[in-house]
N, C-alpha and C. Protein backbone atom coordinates (compact mmCIF):
# COMPACT_ATOMS: atom_id res chain seq x y z
N MET A 1 9.77 30.41 46.92
CA MET A 1 8.39 29.48 47.41
C MET A 1 7.99 29.13 45.79
N ALA A 2 7.82 30.05 45.23
CA ALA A 2 7.03 29.34 43.69
C ALA A 2 7.41 28.36 43.08
N LEU A 3 9.09 28.84 43.17
CA LEU A 3 9.92 28.01 42.37
C LEU A 3 9.56 26.57 43.15
N ARG A 4 9.21 26.32 44.68
CA ARG A 4 9.73 25.20 44.82
C ARG A 4 8.18 24.46 44.73
N LEU A 5 7.02 25.38 44.67
CA LEU A 5 5.77 24.87 44.42
C LEU A 5 5.38 24.41 43.30
N LEU A 6 5.98 24.84 42.44
CA LEU A 6 6.03 24.19 40.63
C LEU A 6 7.08 23.12 40.69
N ARG A 7 8.03 23.12 41.70
CA ARG A 7 8.95 21.89 41.53
C ARG A 7 8.13 20.26 42.16
N PHE A 8 7.52 20.86 42.96
CA PHE A 8 6.61 19.69 43.85
C PHE A 8 5.02 19.69 43.07
N THR A 9 4.69 20.02 42.70
CA THR A 9 2.96 19.87 41.46
C THR A 9 3.51 19.23 40.48
N ASN A 10 4.15 19.78 39.34
CA ASN A 10 4.86 18.72 38.10
C ASN A 10 6.06 19.21 38.16
N PRO A 11 7.29 18.27 38.37
CA PRO A 11 8.62 18.31 37.90
C PRO A 11 8.82 18.49 36.41
N ILE A 12 8.09 17.32 35.83
CA ILE A 12 7.92 17.47 34.00
C ILE A 12 8.23 19.04 33.61
N ARG A 13 6.89 19.67 33.71
CA ARG A 13 6.51 20.90 33.27
C ARG A 13 7.80 22.06 33.56
N ALA A 14 8.55 21.48 34.94
CA ALA A 14 9.33 22.64 34.88
C ALA A 14 10.56 22.64 34.10
N LEU A 15 10.62 21.35 33.94
CA LEU A 15 11.86 21.12 33.28
C LEU A 15 11.56 21.36 31.51
N CYS A 16 10.30 21.21 31.12
CA CYS A 16 10.15 21.51 29.84
C CYS A 16 10.22 22.95 29.71
N GLN A 17 9.92 23.85 30.70
CA GLN A 17 9.96 25.46 30.65
C GLN A 17 11.07 25.68 30.55
N VAL A 18 12.20 25.02 31.23
CA VAL A 18 13.72 25.80 30.69
C VAL A 18 13.87 25.58 29.23
N ARG A 19 14.38 26.98 28.98
CA ARG A 19 14.81 27.48 27.77
C ARG A 19 16.27 27.42 27.25
N MET A 20 16.81 26.76 26.36
CA MET A 20 18.05 26.91 26.38
C MET A 20 18.12 27.61 24.85
N SER A 21 19.07 28.72 24.58
CA SER A 21 18.93 29.47 23.99
C SER A 21 20.90 29.48 23.42
N SER A 22 20.90 30.22 22.22
CA SER A 22 22.32 30.27 21.62
C SER A 22 23.03 31.67 22.76
N SER A 23 22.13 32.30 23.53
CA SER A 23 22.94 33.32 24.36
C SER A 23 23.00 32.37 25.42
N ASP A 24 22.58 31.31 26.02
CA ASP A 24 23.21 30.69 27.42
C ASP A 24 24.49 30.19 27.25
N SER A 25 25.07 30.57 28.45
CA SER A 25 26.49 30.60 28.65
C SER A 25 26.85 29.26 28.36
N GLN A 26 26.27 28.07 28.83
CA GLN A 26 26.95 27.33 28.57
C GLN A 26 26.76 26.01 27.46
N GLN A 27 25.81 26.76 26.48
CA GLN A 27 25.95 26.05 25.11
C GLN A 27 25.46 27.15 24.51
N PRO A 28 26.85 27.75 23.97
CA PRO A 28 26.89 28.65 22.49
C PRO A 28 26.15 28.08 21.29
N GLY A 29 25.46 28.71 20.34
CA GLY A 29 25.07 28.81 19.34
C GLY A 29 26.39 27.70 18.30
N TRP A 30 25.96 27.21 17.16
CA TRP A 30 26.96 26.59 16.14
C TRP A 30 27.38 27.76 15.53
N GLY A 31 28.43 27.35 15.20
CA GLY A 31 29.65 28.23 14.57
C GLY A 31 30.25 29.21 15.91
N ALA A 32 30.12 29.06 17.24
CA ALA A 32 30.41 30.11 17.72
C ALA A 32 31.94 29.84 18.05
N GLY A 33 32.59 28.87 17.57
CA GLY A 33 34.09 28.50 18.09
C GLY A 33 34.22 26.80 17.61
N ALA A 34 35.47 26.20 18.05
CA ALA A 34 36.08 25.36 17.64
C ALA A 34 35.67 24.51 18.81
N GLY A 35 35.13 23.09 18.12
CA GLY A 35 34.65 22.23 19.50
C GLY A 35 33.47 22.65 19.77
N LYS A 36 32.48 23.63 19.56
CA LYS A 36 31.27 24.01 20.22
C LYS A 36 30.28 23.57 19.23
N GLY A 37 29.05 23.07 19.80
CA GLY A 37 27.90 22.84 18.50
C GLY A 37 28.44 22.14 17.75
N GLY A 38 29.19 20.72 17.86
CA GLY A 38 29.32 19.83 17.12
C GLY A 38 30.70 19.38 16.58
N GLY A 39 31.45 20.30 17.54
CA GLY A 39 33.24 19.78 17.03
C GLY A 39 33.75 20.69 15.68
N ALA A 40 34.89 20.17 16.22
CA ALA A 40 35.29 21.27 15.21
C ALA A 40 35.17 21.24 13.69
N GLY A 41 34.91 22.13 13.15
CA GLY A 41 34.15 22.08 11.71
C GLY A 41 35.12 22.79 10.46
N GLY A 42 36.62 22.59 10.95
CA GLY A 42 37.19 23.49 10.06
C GLY A 42 37.92 24.76 10.45
N SER A 43 38.38 25.56 9.65
CA SER A 43 39.15 26.93 9.65
C SER A 43 38.42 27.35 10.00
N VAL A 44 37.07 27.49 9.11
CA VAL A 44 35.99 28.53 9.23
C VAL A 44 35.29 28.77 10.66
N ARG A 45 34.90 27.48 10.96
CA ARG A 45 34.20 27.26 12.07
C ARG A 45 34.95 27.50 13.33
N GLU A 46 36.31 27.30 13.33
CA GLU A 46 37.21 27.59 14.51
C GLU A 46 37.30 28.91 14.37
N ALA A 47 37.46 29.73 13.69
CA ALA A 47 37.80 30.99 13.92
C ALA A 47 36.15 31.72 14.53
N GLY A 48 34.84 31.21 14.36
CA GLY A 48 33.76 31.77 15.20
C GLY A 48 33.75 32.98 14.33
N GLY A 49 32.62 33.35 15.08
CA GLY A 49 32.06 34.78 14.41
C GLY A 49 30.86 34.53 13.58
N GLY A 50 30.72 35.46 12.73
CA GLY A 50 29.62 35.49 11.56
C GLY A 50 29.61 34.30 10.47
N PHE A 51 31.08 34.08 10.16
CA PHE A 51 31.35 33.40 9.12
C PHE A 51 31.20 31.82 9.78
N GLY A 52 31.70 31.67 11.22
CA GLY A 52 31.51 30.26 11.45
C GLY A 52 30.11 30.14 11.74
N LYS A 53 29.20 30.95 12.13
CA LYS A 53 27.53 30.72 12.16
C LYS A 53 27.18 30.76 10.66
N MET A 54 27.40 31.28 9.76
CA MET A 54 27.16 31.04 8.45
C MET A 54 27.51 29.85 7.92
N GLU A 55 28.38 29.34 8.19
CA GLU A 55 29.02 28.03 7.65
C GLU A 55 28.18 27.10 8.56
N ALA A 56 27.80 27.16 9.77
CA ALA A 56 27.07 26.08 10.52
C ALA A 56 25.41 25.91 9.82
N ALA A 57 25.11 27.26 9.32
CA ALA A 57 23.45 27.29 8.82
C ALA A 57 23.47 26.72 7.59
N HIS A 58 24.89 26.91 6.73
CA HIS A 58 25.00 26.38 5.26
C HIS A 58 24.82 24.89 5.38
N GLU A 59 25.41 23.93 6.46
CA GLU A 59 25.65 22.89 7.04
C GLU A 59 24.22 22.20 7.40
N GLU A 60 23.60 22.97 8.13
CA GLU A 60 22.26 22.66 8.54
C GLU A 60 21.32 22.50 7.50
N GLN A 61 21.17 23.82 6.68
CA GLN A 61 20.62 23.95 5.22
C GLN A 61 20.67 22.51 4.12
N TYR A 62 21.97 22.65 4.35
CA TYR A 62 22.29 21.04 3.15
C TYR A 62 21.80 19.77 3.91
N PHE A 63 21.84 19.20 4.78
CA PHE A 63 21.35 18.22 5.89
C PHE A 63 19.71 18.38 5.70
N ARG A 64 19.29 19.45 5.97
CA ARG A 64 17.77 19.64 5.85
C ARG A 64 17.30 19.17 4.38
N GLN A 65 18.01 20.03 3.40
CA GLN A 65 17.67 19.90 2.29
C GLN A 65 18.05 18.29 1.52
N LEU A 66 19.16 17.52 2.05
CA LEU A 66 19.27 16.08 1.93
C LEU A 66 18.08 15.06 2.33
N GLN A 67 17.63 15.71 3.43
CA GLN A 67 16.36 14.91 4.31
C GLN A 67 15.01 15.29 3.91
N ALA A 68 14.88 16.14 3.49
CA ALA A 68 13.56 16.49 2.57
C ALA A 68 13.62 15.69 0.74
N GLU A 69 15.04 15.41 0.48
CA GLU A 69 15.18 14.62 -1.11
C GLU A 69 14.95 13.51 -0.37
N GLN A 70 15.60 12.96 0.56
CA GLN A 70 15.29 11.33 0.82
C GLN A 70 13.89 11.20 1.36
N LEU A 71 13.14 11.99 1.83
CA LEU A 71 11.56 11.79 2.23
C LEU A 71 10.82 11.93 0.79
N ALA A 72 10.97 12.84 0.02
CA ALA A 72 10.65 12.75 -1.36
C ALA A 72 10.80 11.62 -1.96
N LYS A 73 11.64 11.15 -1.98
CA LYS A 73 12.00 9.75 -2.64
C LYS A 73 11.09 8.52 -2.13
N LEU A 74 11.28 8.72 -0.51
CA LEU A 74 10.56 7.64 0.44
C LEU A 74 9.04 7.70 0.05
N LYS A 75 8.52 9.02 0.01
CA LYS A 75 6.88 9.31 -0.27
C LYS A 75 6.80 8.47 -1.75
N SER A 76 7.63 8.97 -2.99
CA SER A 76 7.73 8.46 -4.33
C SER A 76 7.11 7.11 -4.16
N HIS A 77 8.36 6.13 -3.27
CA HIS A 77 8.55 4.71 -3.32
C HIS A 77 7.14 4.21 -2.88
N HIS A 78 6.94 4.95 -1.59
CA HIS A 78 5.35 4.37 -1.21
C HIS A 78 4.24 4.56 -2.16
N GLU A 79 4.35 5.69 -2.39
CA GLU A 79 3.05 5.91 -3.71
C GLU A 79 3.36 4.82 -4.83
N ASP A 80 4.39 4.53 -5.19
CA ASP A 80 4.79 3.62 -6.12
C ASP A 80 3.94 2.00 -5.47
N GLU A 81 4.30 1.71 -4.56
CA GLU A 81 4.08 0.48 -3.94
C GLU A 81 2.64 0.57 -3.74
N ILE A 82 2.43 1.50 -3.18
CA ILE A 82 0.74 1.78 -3.10
C ILE A 82 -0.01 1.42 -4.29
N ALA A 83 0.31 2.11 -5.48
CA ALA A 83 -0.41 2.11 -6.64
C ALA A 83 -0.23 0.33 -7.38
N PHE A 84 1.04 0.08 -6.84
CA PHE A 84 1.17 -1.88 -7.36
C PHE A 84 0.28 -2.72 -6.62
N LEU A 85 -0.05 -2.17 -5.35
CA LEU A 85 -0.55 -3.20 -4.52
C LEU A 85 -2.27 -2.94 -5.11
N GLU A 86 -2.56 -1.75 -5.05
CA GLU A 86 -4.04 -1.52 -5.68
C GLU A 86 -4.37 -2.27 -7.15
N LYS A 87 -3.14 -2.31 -7.74
CA LYS A 87 -3.54 -2.58 -8.95
C LYS A 87 -3.30 -4.50 -9.04
N GLU A 88 -2.44 -5.01 -8.03
CA GLU A 88 -2.44 -6.47 -7.61
C GLU A 88 -4.03 -6.59 -7.12
N VAL A 89 -4.52 -6.24 -6.27
CA VAL A 89 -5.84 -6.26 -5.51
C VAL A 89 -6.80 -6.21 -6.76
N LYS A 90 -6.82 -5.04 -7.36
CA LYS A 90 -7.89 -4.92 -8.97
C LYS A 90 -7.63 -6.50 -9.65
N GLU A 91 -6.74 -6.60 -9.98
CA GLU A 91 -6.32 -8.21 -10.85
C GLU A 91 -6.78 -9.51 -9.97
N GLN A 92 -6.60 -9.36 -8.87
CA GLN A 92 -7.08 -10.15 -7.97
C GLN A 92 -8.63 -10.65 -7.76
N GLU A 93 -9.08 -9.25 -7.90
CA GLU A 93 -10.89 -8.96 -8.03
C GLU A 93 -11.27 -9.79 -9.15
N GLN A 94 -10.56 -9.54 -10.22
CA GLN A 94 -10.79 -9.56 -11.96
C GLN A 94 -10.90 -11.31 -11.84
N GLN A 95 -9.71 -11.55 -11.18
CA GLN A 95 -9.62 -13.27 -10.96
C GLN A 95 -10.58 -13.92 -10.65
N GLU A 96 -10.95 -13.48 -9.73
CA GLU A 96 -11.91 -14.03 -8.58
C GLU A 96 -13.60 -13.93 -9.43
N GLN A 97 -13.73 -12.86 -10.35
CA GLN A 97 -14.97 -12.76 -10.78
C GLN A 97 -14.73 -13.82 -12.02
N LEU A 98 -13.68 -14.05 -12.55
CA LEU A 98 -13.54 -14.97 -13.69
C LEU A 98 -13.80 -16.26 -13.28
N ALA A 99 -13.06 -16.27 -11.96
CA ALA A 99 -13.33 -17.94 -11.55
C ALA A 99 -15.03 -18.19 -11.44
N LYS A 100 -15.65 -17.20 -10.63
CA LYS A 100 -17.20 -17.40 -10.06
C LYS A 100 -18.17 -17.51 -11.99
N LEU A 101 -17.63 -16.58 -12.77
CA LEU A 101 -18.19 -16.94 -14.23
C LEU A 101 -18.06 -17.90 -14.21
N ALA A 102 -16.56 -18.60 -14.51
CA ALA A 102 -16.40 -19.90 -15.15
C ALA A 102 -17.14 -21.00 -14.75
N ALA A 103 -17.58 -21.17 -13.29
CA ALA A 103 -18.17 -22.18 -12.46
C ALA A 103 -19.46 -21.86 -13.02
N TYR A 104 -19.82 -20.70 -12.68
CA TYR A 104 -21.18 -20.52 -13.50
C TYR A 104 -21.76 -21.30 -14.90
N HIS A 105 -20.74 -20.88 -15.79
CA HIS A 105 -20.70 -21.59 -17.32
C HIS A 105 -20.81 -23.05 -17.41
N LYS A 106 -19.82 -23.50 -16.30
CA LYS A 106 -19.39 -24.58 -16.05
C LYS A 106 -20.85 -25.86 -15.80
N ASP A 107 -21.33 -25.16 -14.84
CA ASP A 107 -22.41 -25.83 -14.47
C ASP A 107 -23.90 -25.55 -15.39
N GLU A 108 -23.77 -24.40 -16.14
CA GLU A 108 -24.64 -24.17 -17.47
C GLU A 108 -24.47 -25.32 -18.22
N ILE A 109 -23.28 -25.48 -18.82
CA ILE A 109 -22.47 -26.30 -20.05
C ILE A 109 -23.48 -27.80 -19.32
N GLU A 110 -23.20 -28.32 -18.18
CA GLU A 110 -23.67 -29.61 -17.61
C GLU A 110 -24.95 -29.48 -17.90
N PHE A 111 -26.04 -28.67 -17.44
CA PHE A 111 -27.37 -28.27 -17.35
C PHE A 111 -27.66 -28.96 -18.90
N LEU A 112 -26.94 -27.96 -19.55
CA LEU A 112 -27.61 -28.14 -21.76
C LEU A 112 -27.07 -29.66 -21.87
N GLU A 113 -25.71 -30.00 -21.61
CA GLU A 113 -25.48 -31.02 -22.13
C GLU A 113 -26.58 -32.18 -21.56
N LYS A 114 -26.80 -32.19 -20.25
CA LYS A 114 -27.79 -33.21 -19.88
C LYS A 114 -29.11 -33.02 -20.22
N GLU A 115 -29.68 -31.72 -21.42
CA GLU A 115 -30.87 -31.76 -21.51
C GLU A 115 -30.92 -32.14 -23.25
N VAL A 116 -29.40 -31.93 -23.95
CA VAL A 116 -29.51 -32.49 -25.33
C VAL A 116 -29.23 -34.01 -25.25
N LYS A 117 -28.98 -34.71 -23.90
CA LYS A 117 -28.92 -36.06 -24.27
C LYS A 117 -30.07 -36.48 -23.67
N GLU A 118 -30.86 -35.99 -22.81
CA GLU A 118 -32.32 -36.59 -22.76
C GLU A 118 -33.21 -35.97 -24.07
N GLY A 119 -32.82 -35.11 -24.73
CA GLY A 119 -33.73 -34.85 -26.09
C GLY A 119 -33.26 -36.19 -27.05
N GLU A 120 -31.79 -36.06 -27.07
CA GLU A 120 -31.56 -37.28 -27.71
C GLU A 120 -31.97 -38.59 -27.68
N ASP A 121 -32.19 -38.81 -26.37
CA ASP A 121 -32.81 -40.31 -25.73
C ASP A 121 -34.22 -40.48 -26.66
N GLU A 122 -34.92 -39.24 -26.41
CA GLU A 122 -36.45 -38.97 -26.52
C GLU A 122 -36.25 -39.09 -28.07
N ILE A 123 -35.73 -38.62 -28.87
CA ILE A 123 -35.79 -38.96 -30.30
C ILE A 123 -35.50 -40.47 -30.50
N GLN A 124 -34.79 -41.30 -30.21
CA GLN A 124 -34.49 -42.43 -30.38
C GLN A 124 -35.67 -43.15 -29.93
N ARG A 125 -36.65 -42.66 -28.71
CA ARG A 125 -37.84 -43.34 -28.47
C ARG A 125 -38.33 -42.98 -29.50
N HIS A 126 -38.70 -41.87 -30.13
CA HIS A 126 -39.76 -41.67 -31.27
C HIS A 126 -39.72 -42.55 -32.47
N LYS A 127 -37.92 -42.65 -32.81
CA LYS A 127 -37.74 -43.19 -33.89
C LYS A 127 -38.14 -44.59 -34.06
N LYS A 128 -37.82 -45.32 -32.59
CA LYS A 128 -38.28 -47.06 -32.29
C LYS A 128 -39.89 -47.02 -32.29
N LYS A 129 -40.70 -45.91 -31.67
CA LYS A 129 -42.11 -45.88 -32.19
C LYS A 129 -42.59 -45.85 -33.48
N ILE A 130 -41.89 -45.22 -34.11
CA ILE A 130 -41.95 -44.58 -35.66
C ILE A 130 -41.83 -45.96 -36.32
N ALA A 131 -40.52 -46.70 -35.84
CA ALA A 131 -40.39 -47.91 -36.49
C ALA A 131 -41.28 -49.31 -36.49
N ASP A 132 -41.91 -48.94 -35.06
CA ASP A 132 -42.83 -50.25 -34.55
C ASP A 132 -44.10 -49.89 -35.39
N LEU A 133 -44.48 -48.53 -35.20
CA LEU A 133 -45.89 -48.02 -35.89
C LEU A 133 -45.86 -48.86 -37.39
N LYS A 134 -44.67 -48.30 -38.01
CA LYS A 134 -44.22 -48.67 -39.41
C LYS A 134 -44.51 -50.10 -39.73
N LYS A 135 -43.68 -50.88 -38.81
CA LYS A 135 -43.80 -52.49 -38.83
C LYS A 135 -45.57 -52.87 -38.80
N MET A 136 -46.18 -52.57 -37.59
CA MET A 136 -47.72 -52.72 -37.60
C MET A 136 -48.35 -52.62 -38.61
N ALA A 137 -48.28 -51.28 -39.37
CA ALA A 137 -49.13 -50.92 -40.75
C ALA A 137 -48.43 -51.90 -41.55
N GLU A 138 -47.22 -52.28 -41.51
CA GLU A 138 -46.83 -53.35 -42.75
C GLU A 138 -47.68 -54.66 -42.41
N GLU A 139 -47.48 -55.09 -41.05
CA GLU A 139 -48.37 -56.37 -40.88
C GLU A 139 -49.90 -56.09 -41.11
N ALA A 140 -50.54 -55.21 -41.08
CA ALA A 140 -51.83 -54.99 -41.12
C ALA A 140 -52.16 -54.93 -42.68
N THR A 141 -51.41 -54.32 -43.50
CA THR A 141 -51.42 -54.59 -44.37
C THR A 141 -51.52 -55.95 -45.40
N LYS A 142 -50.59 -56.59 -44.98
CA LYS A 142 -50.71 -58.13 -45.45
C LYS A 142 -51.62 -58.84 -44.55
N HIS A 143 -52.26 -58.75 -43.87
CA HIS A 143 -53.29 -59.15 -43.59
C HIS A 143 -54.53 -59.18 -44.06
């Protein structure tokens, strides 16, 4: 009755609670004999017993170590990629700052060139006034 209630209330939970272990008669553990736990793995695994289990454990350890090395390489590659992209962002920000400074200085140069031009025009006006005053002074002394 309890099993029936469990099955009706949450069938997924019931499936999750089923535990398969190496002692299960339908699925023996790795190295338990030929064709079991991933197929024939050579004469040691075919023989089964302790050596077969040890061979399966060594194989599992090898693949876990290989996976760990691959993950370490991938992590290193991602760290290098992140460092490269951070450098690129920093360089881009510096380029933007330089562009802003260049625009500011360009405007400043244009302003100063305008000031110089106005100053030169004023100097020319003063020179002309001085020349006119000298001419008037000469004419006044002649008369």
